[in-house]
Amino acid sequence: MKSKIVKYAYRNNKNPKIDFDEDFSYLSDVAQWKVPYRVNGHRYVAKMTCKGWIVDNVGPFD
């Protein structure tokens, strides 16, 4: 899962610094993973399917 987020961040940012500083959580009601991460100090939250497709990406939160 981390590799999918890293690829997504590299496609959408120039030379990103990516940190995974929080735990992932599984949302069983919609069968998705909630993946919080930081890119260049800005916090984002991605929702991914079990196969690794990014369904929603919200942020940046500061």
Protein backbone atom coordinates (compact mmCIF):
# COMPACT_ATOMS: atom_id res chain seq x y z
CA MET A 1 0.00 0.00 0.00
CA LYS A 2 2.79 2.40 0.82
CA SER A 3 4.27 1.94 -2.62
CA LYS A 4 0.97 2.99 -4.25
CA ILE A 5 0.89 6.19 -2.16
CA VAL A 6 4.54 6.92 -2.97
CA LYS A 7 3.90 6.52 -6.71
CA TYR A 8 0.83 8.78 -6.43
CA ALA A 9 2.83 11.44 -4.56
CA TYR A 10 5.64 11.39 -7.14
CA ARG A 11 3.12 11.85 -9.96
CA ASN A 12 1.52 14.86 -8.27
CA ASN A 13 4.47 16.60 -6.57
CA LYS A 14 7.96 17.61 -7.58
CA ASN A 15 10.60 15.84 -5.46
CA PRO A 16 8.28 14.93 -2.55
CA LYS A 17 9.42 14.03 0.95
CA ILE A 18 6.91 11.39 2.08
CA ASP A 19 6.33 10.34 5.72
CA PHE A 20 3.89 7.77 7.08
CA ASP A 21 3.62 8.97 10.68
CA GLU A 22 0.22 7.50 11.61
CA ASP A 23 -1.29 4.02 11.52
CA PHE A 24 -3.47 2.88 8.65
CA SER A 25 -7.06 1.99 9.52
CA TYR A 26 -9.54 -0.30 7.80
CA LEU A 27 -13.07 1.00 7.18
CA SER A 28 -15.07 -2.23 7.13
CA ASP A 29 -18.39 -0.60 6.17
CA VAL A 30 -16.99 0.52 2.78
CA ALA A 31 -14.14 -2.06 2.51
CA GLN A 32 -11.45 0.61 2.17
CA TRP A 33 -8.21 1.55 3.88
CA LYS A 34 -7.69 5.02 5.34
CA VAL A 35 -4.03 5.95 4.85
CA PRO A 36 -2.78 9.18 6.48
CA TYR A 37 0.55 10.48 5.17
CA ARG A 38 2.59 13.67 4.81
CA VAL A 39 4.15 15.13 1.68
CA ASN A 40 6.62 17.98 2.22
CA GLY A 41 5.10 18.63 5.66
CA HIS A 42 1.47 18.78 4.49
CA ARG A 43 -0.92 16.13 5.83
CA TYR A 44 -3.09 14.12 3.42
CA VAL A 45 -5.53 11.25 3.90
CA ALA A 46 -6.06 8.75 1.11
CA LYS A 47 -8.78 6.13 0.93
CA MET A 48 -7.77 3.01 -0.95
CA THR A 49 -9.44 -0.21 -1.99
CA CYS A 50 -7.92 -3.50 -0.90
CA LYS A 51 -6.36 -3.89 -4.36
CA GLY A 52 -4.53 -0.55 -4.00
CA TRP A 53 -6.70 1.81 -6.05
CA ILE A 54 -6.82 5.33 -4.60
CA VAL A 55 -10.51 6.21 -4.36
CA ASP A 56 -10.23 9.54 -2.55
CA ASN A 57 -7.33 11.77 -1.58
CA VAL A 58 -8.07 14.66 0.77
CA GLY A 59 -5.70 17.40 1.80
CA PRO A 60 -3.53 19.19 2.43
CA PHE A 61 -4.28 19.71 6.10
CA ASP A 62 -1.80 21.83 8.03
